[in-house]
N, C-alpha and C. Protein backbone atom coordinates (compact mmCIF):
# COMPACT_ATOMS: atom_id res chain seq x y z
N MET A 1 -60.44 21.89 -78.86
CA MET A 1 -60.56 22.53 -77.82
C MET A 1 -61.97 22.75 -77.58
N SER A 2 -62.48 22.72 -76.44
CA SER A 2 -63.87 23.07 -76.13
C SER A 2 -64.30 23.66 -74.86
N GLY A 3 -64.91 24.57 -74.78
CA GLY A 3 -65.21 25.30 -73.53
C GLY A 3 -66.60 25.05 -73.10
N HIS A 4 -66.72 24.50 -71.94
CA HIS A 4 -68.37 24.32 -71.64
C HIS A 4 -68.52 24.76 -70.26
N SER A 5 -69.74 24.69 -69.97
CA SER A 5 -70.34 25.25 -68.33
C SER A 5 -69.75 26.45 -68.16
N ALA A 6 -69.37 26.54 -66.85
CA ALA A 6 -69.04 27.79 -66.27
C ALA A 6 -67.71 28.29 -66.77
N GLY A 7 -66.90 27.25 -67.00
CA GLY A 7 -65.72 27.31 -67.62
C GLY A 7 -65.57 27.78 -69.02
N GLY A 8 -66.74 28.13 -69.80
CA GLY A 8 -66.86 28.50 -71.07
C GLY A 8 -65.73 29.62 -71.60
N HIS A 9 -65.23 30.39 -70.78
CA HIS A 9 -64.41 31.43 -71.04
C HIS A 9 -63.00 30.60 -71.16
N LEU A 10 -62.78 29.41 -70.83
CA LEU A 10 -61.52 28.65 -70.83
C LEU A 10 -61.21 28.46 -72.30
N THR A 11 -62.06 28.40 -73.35
CA THR A 11 -61.81 28.45 -74.81
C THR A 11 -61.24 29.85 -75.14
N ALA A 12 -61.78 30.81 -74.81
CA ALA A 12 -61.35 32.16 -75.19
C ALA A 12 -60.06 32.64 -74.50
N MET A 13 -59.82 31.84 -73.50
CA MET A 13 -58.41 32.10 -72.79
C MET A 13 -57.18 31.17 -73.59
N ALA A 14 -57.69 30.17 -73.87
CA ALA A 14 -56.76 29.09 -74.59
C ALA A 14 -56.44 30.01 -75.98
N LEU A 15 -57.31 30.69 -76.55
CA LEU A 15 -57.24 31.29 -77.87
C LEU A 15 -56.22 32.66 -77.49
N ALA A 16 -56.38 33.08 -76.59
CA ALA A 16 -55.67 34.37 -76.07
C ALA A 16 -54.23 34.19 -75.69
N ASN A 17 -53.95 32.84 -75.34
CA ASN A 17 -52.71 32.48 -74.98
C ASN A 17 -51.61 32.61 -75.94
N ASP A 18 -50.26 33.13 -75.40
CA ASP A 18 -49.19 33.22 -76.47
C ASP A 18 -48.59 31.82 -76.12
N TRP A 19 -48.92 30.85 -77.07
CA TRP A 19 -48.47 29.58 -77.10
C TRP A 19 -46.91 29.27 -77.32
N THR A 20 -46.27 30.34 -78.00
CA THR A 20 -44.79 30.26 -78.35
C THR A 20 -43.88 30.61 -77.11
N LYS A 21 -44.69 31.22 -76.01
CA LYS A 21 -43.93 31.27 -74.85
C LYS A 21 -43.56 30.13 -74.08
N GLU A 22 -44.63 29.07 -74.40
CA GLU A 22 -44.37 27.77 -73.98
C GLU A 22 -43.71 26.78 -74.72
N GLY A 23 -43.16 27.20 -75.76
CA GLY A 23 -42.40 26.37 -76.77
C GLY A 23 -43.37 25.61 -77.70
N ILE A 24 -44.36 26.14 -78.03
CA ILE A 24 -45.64 25.29 -78.66
C ILE A 24 -45.84 26.28 -79.88
N PRO A 25 -46.30 25.71 -81.00
CA PRO A 25 -46.29 26.50 -82.35
C PRO A 25 -47.87 27.37 -81.90
N GLN A 26 -47.91 28.69 -82.54
CA GLN A 26 -48.87 29.59 -82.26
C GLN A 26 -50.34 28.84 -82.72
N ASP A 27 -50.05 28.11 -83.89
CA ASP A 27 -51.15 27.71 -84.50
C ASP A 27 -51.73 26.22 -84.00
N CYS A 28 -51.27 25.69 -82.68
CA CYS A 28 -51.43 24.53 -82.16
C CYS A 28 -53.05 24.14 -82.14
N ILE A 29 -53.92 25.23 -82.12
CA ILE A 29 -55.33 25.13 -81.97
C ILE A 29 -55.76 25.34 -83.19
N LYS A 30 -56.40 24.12 -83.98
CA LYS A 30 -56.91 24.31 -85.39
C LYS A 30 -58.23 24.51 -85.51
N GLY A 31 -58.99 24.46 -84.33
CA GLY A 31 -60.45 24.98 -84.37
C GLY A 31 -60.89 24.78 -82.90
N ALA A 32 -61.93 25.54 -82.55
CA ALA A 32 -62.44 25.68 -81.17
C ALA A 32 -63.84 25.84 -81.38
N VAL A 33 -64.51 25.31 -80.25
CA VAL A 33 -65.87 25.29 -80.12
C VAL A 33 -66.31 25.63 -78.70
N ALA A 34 -67.05 26.81 -78.49
CA ALA A 34 -67.28 27.57 -77.25
C ALA A 34 -68.62 27.62 -76.91
N THR A 35 -69.49 26.55 -76.08
CA THR A 35 -70.71 26.30 -75.82
C THR A 35 -71.23 26.85 -74.38
N SER A 36 -72.31 27.69 -74.77
CA SER A 36 -72.93 28.54 -73.55
C SER A 36 -71.83 28.98 -72.61
N GLY A 37 -70.96 29.75 -73.09
CA GLY A 37 -69.90 30.30 -72.27
C GLY A 37 -70.26 31.29 -71.27
N VAL A 38 -69.53 31.37 -70.29
CA VAL A 38 -69.73 32.80 -69.55
C VAL A 38 -68.42 33.69 -69.95
N TYR A 39 -68.73 34.81 -70.63
CA TYR A 39 -67.69 35.53 -71.06
C TYR A 39 -67.54 36.99 -70.21
N ASP A 40 -68.60 37.11 -69.39
CA ASP A 40 -68.55 38.36 -68.44
C ASP A 40 -68.36 37.81 -67.04
N LEU A 41 -67.07 37.74 -66.68
CA LEU A 41 -66.79 37.26 -65.45
C LEU A 41 -67.18 38.04 -64.29
N ASP A 42 -67.42 39.46 -64.80
CA ASP A 42 -67.92 40.09 -63.56
C ASP A 42 -69.32 40.00 -62.92
N MET A 43 -70.21 39.27 -63.98
CA MET A 43 -71.34 38.77 -63.77
C MET A 43 -71.56 37.71 -62.80
N VAL A 44 -70.49 37.00 -62.83
CA VAL A 44 -70.41 35.73 -62.14
C VAL A 44 -70.41 36.18 -60.48
N MET A 45 -69.81 37.36 -60.16
CA MET A 45 -69.74 37.85 -58.96
C MET A 45 -71.19 38.23 -58.41
N LYS A 46 -72.15 38.35 -59.24
CA LYS A 46 -73.31 38.95 -58.86
C LYS A 46 -74.44 37.97 -58.92
N ILE A 47 -74.10 36.80 -59.05
CA ILE A 47 -75.14 35.73 -59.24
C ILE A 47 -74.86 34.58 -58.07
N SER A 48 -75.83 33.71 -57.98
CA SER A 48 -75.86 32.69 -56.78
C SER A 48 -74.69 31.81 -56.97
N VAL A 49 -74.18 31.62 -58.13
CA VAL A 49 -72.98 30.69 -58.23
C VAL A 49 -71.65 31.13 -57.63
N GLN A 50 -71.75 32.48 -57.37
CA GLN A 50 -70.69 33.16 -56.66
C GLN A 50 -70.24 32.51 -55.35
N GLU A 51 -71.27 32.17 -54.67
CA GLU A 51 -71.03 31.31 -53.42
C GLU A 51 -70.15 30.15 -53.68
N GLN A 52 -70.14 29.27 -54.55
CA GLN A 52 -69.26 28.34 -55.08
C GLN A 52 -67.70 28.54 -55.48
N VAL A 53 -67.88 29.63 -56.46
CA VAL A 53 -66.75 29.80 -57.08
C VAL A 53 -65.81 30.96 -56.55
N ARG A 54 -66.53 31.76 -55.70
CA ARG A 54 -65.74 32.77 -55.04
C ARG A 54 -64.79 33.81 -55.93
N MET A 55 -65.45 34.27 -57.11
CA MET A 55 -64.60 35.04 -57.83
C MET A 55 -64.13 36.54 -57.33
N THR A 56 -63.17 36.74 -57.24
CA THR A 56 -62.45 38.11 -56.92
C THR A 56 -62.42 38.98 -58.02
N PRO A 57 -62.49 40.32 -57.92
CA PRO A 57 -62.59 41.28 -59.11
C PRO A 57 -61.05 41.22 -59.84
N GLU A 58 -60.02 40.66 -58.95
CA GLU A 58 -58.73 40.52 -59.61
C GLU A 58 -58.86 39.33 -60.58
N VAL A 59 -59.43 38.27 -60.08
CA VAL A 59 -59.26 36.95 -61.02
C VAL A 59 -60.16 37.39 -62.09
N ALA A 60 -61.43 37.91 -61.99
CA ALA A 60 -62.19 38.35 -63.09
C ALA A 60 -61.48 39.07 -64.29
N LYS A 61 -60.65 40.15 -63.73
CA LYS A 61 -60.18 40.96 -64.53
C LYS A 61 -58.91 40.11 -65.52
N LEU A 62 -58.31 39.39 -64.77
CA LEU A 62 -57.32 38.67 -65.36
C LEU A 62 -57.50 37.84 -66.28
N ASN A 63 -58.68 37.11 -66.23
CA ASN A 63 -59.26 36.07 -66.94
C ASN A 63 -60.41 36.42 -67.96
N ASN A 64 -60.77 37.85 -67.99
CA ASN A 64 -61.74 38.40 -68.81
C ASN A 64 -61.43 38.13 -70.33
N PRO A 65 -62.23 37.34 -71.01
CA PRO A 65 -61.74 37.11 -72.64
C PRO A 65 -61.93 38.37 -73.10
N PHE A 66 -62.66 39.56 -72.90
CA PHE A 66 -62.69 40.68 -73.74
C PHE A 66 -61.38 41.74 -73.29
N GLU A 67 -60.77 41.26 -72.41
CA GLU A 67 -59.39 42.01 -72.27
C GLU A 67 -58.13 41.18 -72.73
N ASN A 68 -58.56 40.00 -73.13
CA ASN A 68 -57.40 39.23 -73.41
C ASN A 68 -57.76 38.58 -74.98
N GLN A 69 -57.29 39.33 -75.96
CA GLN A 69 -57.64 39.18 -77.33
C GLN A 69 -56.89 37.97 -77.72
N PRO A 70 -57.65 37.37 -78.60
CA PRO A 70 -57.28 35.94 -79.26
C PRO A 70 -55.72 36.18 -80.05
N HIS A 71 -54.83 35.31 -79.76
CA HIS A 71 -53.35 35.22 -80.54
C HIS A 71 -53.71 34.12 -81.62
N VAL A 72 -54.37 33.22 -81.09
CA VAL A 72 -54.69 32.10 -82.10
C VAL A 72 -55.89 32.35 -82.87
N LYS A 73 -55.53 32.24 -84.32
CA LYS A 73 -56.65 32.68 -85.52
C LYS A 73 -57.02 31.33 -86.09
N CYS A 74 -57.88 30.42 -85.37
CA CYS A 74 -58.55 29.33 -85.87
C CYS A 74 -59.85 29.53 -85.96
N PRO A 75 -60.69 28.84 -86.80
CA PRO A 75 -61.93 28.69 -86.92
C PRO A 75 -63.01 28.56 -85.61
N LEU A 76 -63.58 29.35 -85.13
CA LEU A 76 -64.28 29.39 -83.83
C LEU A 76 -65.80 29.44 -84.08
N ILE A 77 -66.54 28.17 -83.39
CA ILE A 77 -67.85 28.21 -83.36
C ILE A 77 -68.41 28.69 -81.92
N LEU A 78 -69.26 29.64 -81.74
CA LEU A 78 -69.75 30.05 -80.46
C LEU A 78 -71.25 29.73 -80.35
N ALA A 79 -71.48 28.67 -79.73
CA ALA A 79 -72.94 28.44 -79.70
C ALA A 79 -73.33 28.49 -78.26
N VAL A 80 -74.72 28.65 -78.30
CA VAL A 80 -75.75 29.03 -77.11
C VAL A 80 -76.93 28.36 -77.43
N GLY A 81 -77.41 27.82 -76.28
CA GLY A 81 -78.77 27.28 -76.40
C GLY A 81 -79.85 28.28 -76.53
N SER A 82 -80.96 28.06 -77.08
CA SER A 82 -81.96 28.92 -77.18
C SER A 82 -82.96 28.88 -75.83
N ALA A 83 -82.74 28.20 -75.25
CA ALA A 83 -83.42 27.88 -73.81
C ALA A 83 -82.63 28.69 -72.89
N GLU A 84 -81.55 29.34 -73.05
CA GLU A 84 -80.96 29.99 -72.22
C GLU A 84 -81.28 31.66 -71.81
N PRO A 85 -81.16 32.04 -70.85
CA PRO A 85 -81.64 33.19 -70.79
C PRO A 85 -81.28 34.35 -71.56
N LYS A 86 -81.90 35.29 -71.76
CA LYS A 86 -81.17 36.36 -72.85
C LYS A 86 -80.10 36.93 -72.61
N GLY A 87 -79.73 37.15 -71.18
CA GLY A 87 -78.41 37.65 -70.87
C GLY A 87 -77.26 36.61 -71.11
N TRP A 88 -77.59 35.48 -71.13
CA TRP A 88 -76.48 34.38 -71.31
C TRP A 88 -76.37 34.37 -72.96
N GLN A 89 -77.36 34.41 -73.40
CA GLN A 89 -77.16 34.55 -75.24
C GLN A 89 -76.38 35.71 -75.49
N GLN A 90 -76.65 36.79 -74.78
CA GLN A 90 -76.05 38.03 -75.32
C GLN A 90 -74.63 37.92 -74.84
N MET A 91 -74.12 37.39 -73.92
CA MET A 91 -72.89 37.21 -73.76
C MET A 91 -72.02 36.43 -74.73
N SER A 92 -72.64 35.39 -75.25
CA SER A 92 -72.02 34.55 -76.43
C SER A 92 -72.06 35.45 -77.78
N GLU A 93 -73.20 36.08 -77.94
CA GLU A 93 -72.93 37.02 -79.06
C GLU A 93 -72.10 38.25 -79.10
N ASP A 94 -71.82 38.53 -77.81
CA ASP A 94 -71.08 39.77 -77.76
C ASP A 94 -69.63 39.17 -78.01
N TYR A 95 -69.05 38.04 -77.29
CA TYR A 95 -68.10 37.26 -77.74
C TYR A 95 -67.77 37.06 -79.15
N PHE A 96 -68.71 36.47 -79.89
CA PHE A 96 -68.80 36.39 -81.27
C PHE A 96 -68.34 37.55 -82.14
N HIS A 97 -68.99 38.83 -81.52
CA HIS A 97 -68.39 40.11 -82.26
C HIS A 97 -67.07 40.54 -82.00
N TYR A 98 -66.78 40.20 -80.69
CA TYR A 98 -65.31 40.70 -80.35
C TYR A 98 -64.33 39.80 -80.91
N ALA A 99 -64.71 38.47 -81.10
CA ALA A 99 -63.63 37.42 -81.72
C ALA A 99 -63.44 37.93 -83.17
N LYS A 100 -64.56 38.40 -83.99
CA LYS A 100 -64.65 38.64 -85.30
C LYS A 100 -63.77 39.73 -85.47
N GLN A 101 -63.94 40.85 -84.63
CA GLN A 101 -63.12 42.22 -84.67
C GLN A 101 -61.72 41.99 -84.52
N HIS A 102 -61.18 40.98 -83.78
CA HIS A 102 -59.89 40.56 -83.64
C HIS A 102 -59.35 39.57 -84.69
N GLY A 103 -59.98 39.48 -85.67
CA GLY A 103 -59.61 38.61 -86.66
C GLY A 103 -59.82 37.22 -86.82
N MET A 104 -60.81 36.78 -85.85
CA MET A 104 -61.29 35.37 -85.97
C MET A 104 -62.16 35.06 -87.02
N ILE A 105 -62.34 33.86 -87.47
CA ILE A 105 -63.02 33.26 -88.36
C ILE A 105 -64.13 32.77 -87.27
N ALA A 106 -65.37 33.38 -86.92
CA ALA A 106 -66.28 32.93 -86.30
C ALA A 106 -67.85 32.58 -86.73
N GLU A 107 -68.18 31.70 -86.17
CA GLU A 107 -69.60 31.44 -86.23
C GLU A 107 -70.55 31.51 -85.09
N TYR A 108 -71.68 32.05 -85.14
CA TYR A 108 -72.58 32.16 -84.09
C TYR A 108 -73.62 31.18 -84.28
N LEU A 109 -74.05 30.39 -83.35
CA LEU A 109 -75.07 29.46 -83.65
C LEU A 109 -75.97 29.14 -82.40
N VAL A 110 -77.32 29.46 -82.57
CA VAL A 110 -78.23 29.26 -81.40
C VAL A 110 -78.68 27.61 -81.57
N VAL A 111 -78.53 27.00 -80.61
CA VAL A 111 -78.93 25.71 -80.77
C VAL A 111 -80.41 25.42 -80.04
N PRO A 112 -81.42 25.02 -81.10
CA PRO A 112 -82.69 25.05 -80.61
C PRO A 112 -82.96 24.03 -79.34
N GLY A 113 -83.65 24.66 -78.37
CA GLY A 113 -84.17 23.90 -77.25
C GLY A 113 -83.28 23.73 -76.09
N ALA A 114 -81.77 24.11 -76.47
CA ALA A 114 -80.71 23.60 -75.63
C ALA A 114 -80.54 24.77 -74.69
N ASN A 115 -79.85 24.24 -73.48
CA ASN A 115 -79.49 25.07 -72.48
C ASN A 115 -78.12 24.96 -71.86
N HIS A 116 -77.41 25.38 -70.90
CA HIS A 116 -76.48 25.34 -70.58
C HIS A 116 -76.01 23.78 -70.10
N TYR A 117 -76.81 23.17 -69.62
CA TYR A 117 -76.63 21.88 -69.06
C TYR A 117 -76.82 20.93 -70.24
N THR A 118 -77.81 21.14 -71.20
CA THR A 118 -78.10 20.12 -72.17
C THR A 118 -77.34 20.39 -73.39
N MET A 119 -76.62 21.38 -73.72
CA MET A 119 -75.95 21.67 -74.98
C MET A 119 -75.24 20.33 -75.60
N SER A 120 -74.63 19.68 -74.73
CA SER A 120 -73.54 18.55 -75.34
C SER A 120 -74.32 17.43 -75.28
N GLU A 121 -75.67 16.96 -74.99
CA GLU A 121 -76.27 15.82 -75.03
C GLU A 121 -76.66 15.10 -76.23
N LYS A 122 -76.59 16.09 -77.32
CA LYS A 122 -76.95 15.53 -78.67
C LYS A 122 -75.88 15.52 -79.65
N LEU A 123 -74.63 15.38 -79.24
CA LEU A 123 -73.43 15.76 -80.19
C LEU A 123 -73.14 14.44 -80.75
N LEU A 124 -73.90 13.28 -80.46
CA LEU A 124 -73.82 11.97 -81.19
C LEU A 124 -74.61 12.02 -82.16
N ASP A 125 -75.66 12.88 -82.38
CA ASP A 125 -76.54 13.08 -83.33
C ASP A 125 -76.35 13.74 -84.73
N ASP A 126 -76.25 13.37 -85.76
CA ASP A 126 -75.40 14.03 -86.78
C ASP A 126 -76.58 15.13 -87.54
N THR A 127 -77.73 14.86 -86.85
CA THR A 127 -78.53 15.89 -87.57
C THR A 127 -78.65 17.09 -86.45
N ASN A 128 -77.88 17.20 -85.53
CA ASN A 128 -77.89 18.15 -84.48
C ASN A 128 -77.05 19.42 -85.23
N SER A 129 -77.69 20.61 -85.04
CA SER A 129 -77.08 21.86 -85.68
C SER A 129 -75.58 21.87 -85.05
N LEU A 130 -75.30 21.69 -83.80
CA LEU A 130 -73.91 21.92 -83.32
C LEU A 130 -73.14 20.87 -83.86
N THR A 131 -73.42 19.74 -83.80
CA THR A 131 -72.72 18.56 -84.53
C THR A 131 -72.42 18.79 -85.92
N GLN A 132 -73.22 19.31 -86.79
CA GLN A 132 -73.07 19.59 -88.08
C GLN A 132 -72.06 20.68 -88.33
N ALA A 133 -72.07 21.89 -87.42
CA ALA A 133 -71.07 22.88 -87.54
C ALA A 133 -69.67 22.24 -87.23
N MET A 134 -69.66 21.33 -86.22
CA MET A 134 -68.46 20.86 -85.93
C MET A 134 -67.79 20.13 -86.78
N ILE A 135 -68.68 19.40 -87.64
CA ILE A 135 -68.20 18.36 -88.55
C ILE A 135 -67.62 19.37 -89.90
N LYS A 136 -68.43 20.25 -90.11
CA LYS A 136 -68.17 21.21 -91.21
C LYS A 136 -66.65 21.90 -91.03
N GLN A 137 -66.61 22.28 -89.55
CA GLN A 137 -65.17 23.01 -89.17
C GLN A 137 -64.13 22.02 -89.47
N MET A 138 -64.33 20.97 -88.87
CA MET A 138 -63.40 19.82 -89.25
C MET A 138 -63.23 19.35 -90.74
N GLY A 139 -63.96 19.78 -91.65
CA GLY A 139 -63.60 19.33 -93.00
C GLY A 139 -64.27 17.93 -93.09
N ILE A 140 -64.86 17.32 -92.48
CA ILE A 140 -65.05 15.89 -92.68
C ILE A 140 -66.53 15.64 -93.10
């Protein structure tokens, strides 16, 4: 499971889902990677992207990763690019701490030179720090 782009909170929401209500084992997700995620959905309503996404306060609250603690307890990599604005980096770091406080095995990774749009460009390069972290997480 991977969360990317403006939907970065989707990884957090998949981890917060009670999969047993859908007849799926709670441990169905074995590992997760969230890259440059947007975890503070209230902020989305305050920036230019709001024109496209039209986030409402109700939707932001319902999908807020900080109000939907993880039920799935799998290894989690929270990666953010060093070229991201400090506020975006802080959101990832805040969710990292939140996940750990709620029993997740979490790793926080700042990917050198990467940003929201370039984070996945070098995943095929086995010297890339995010690629290495993912390979380690998978145990291969």
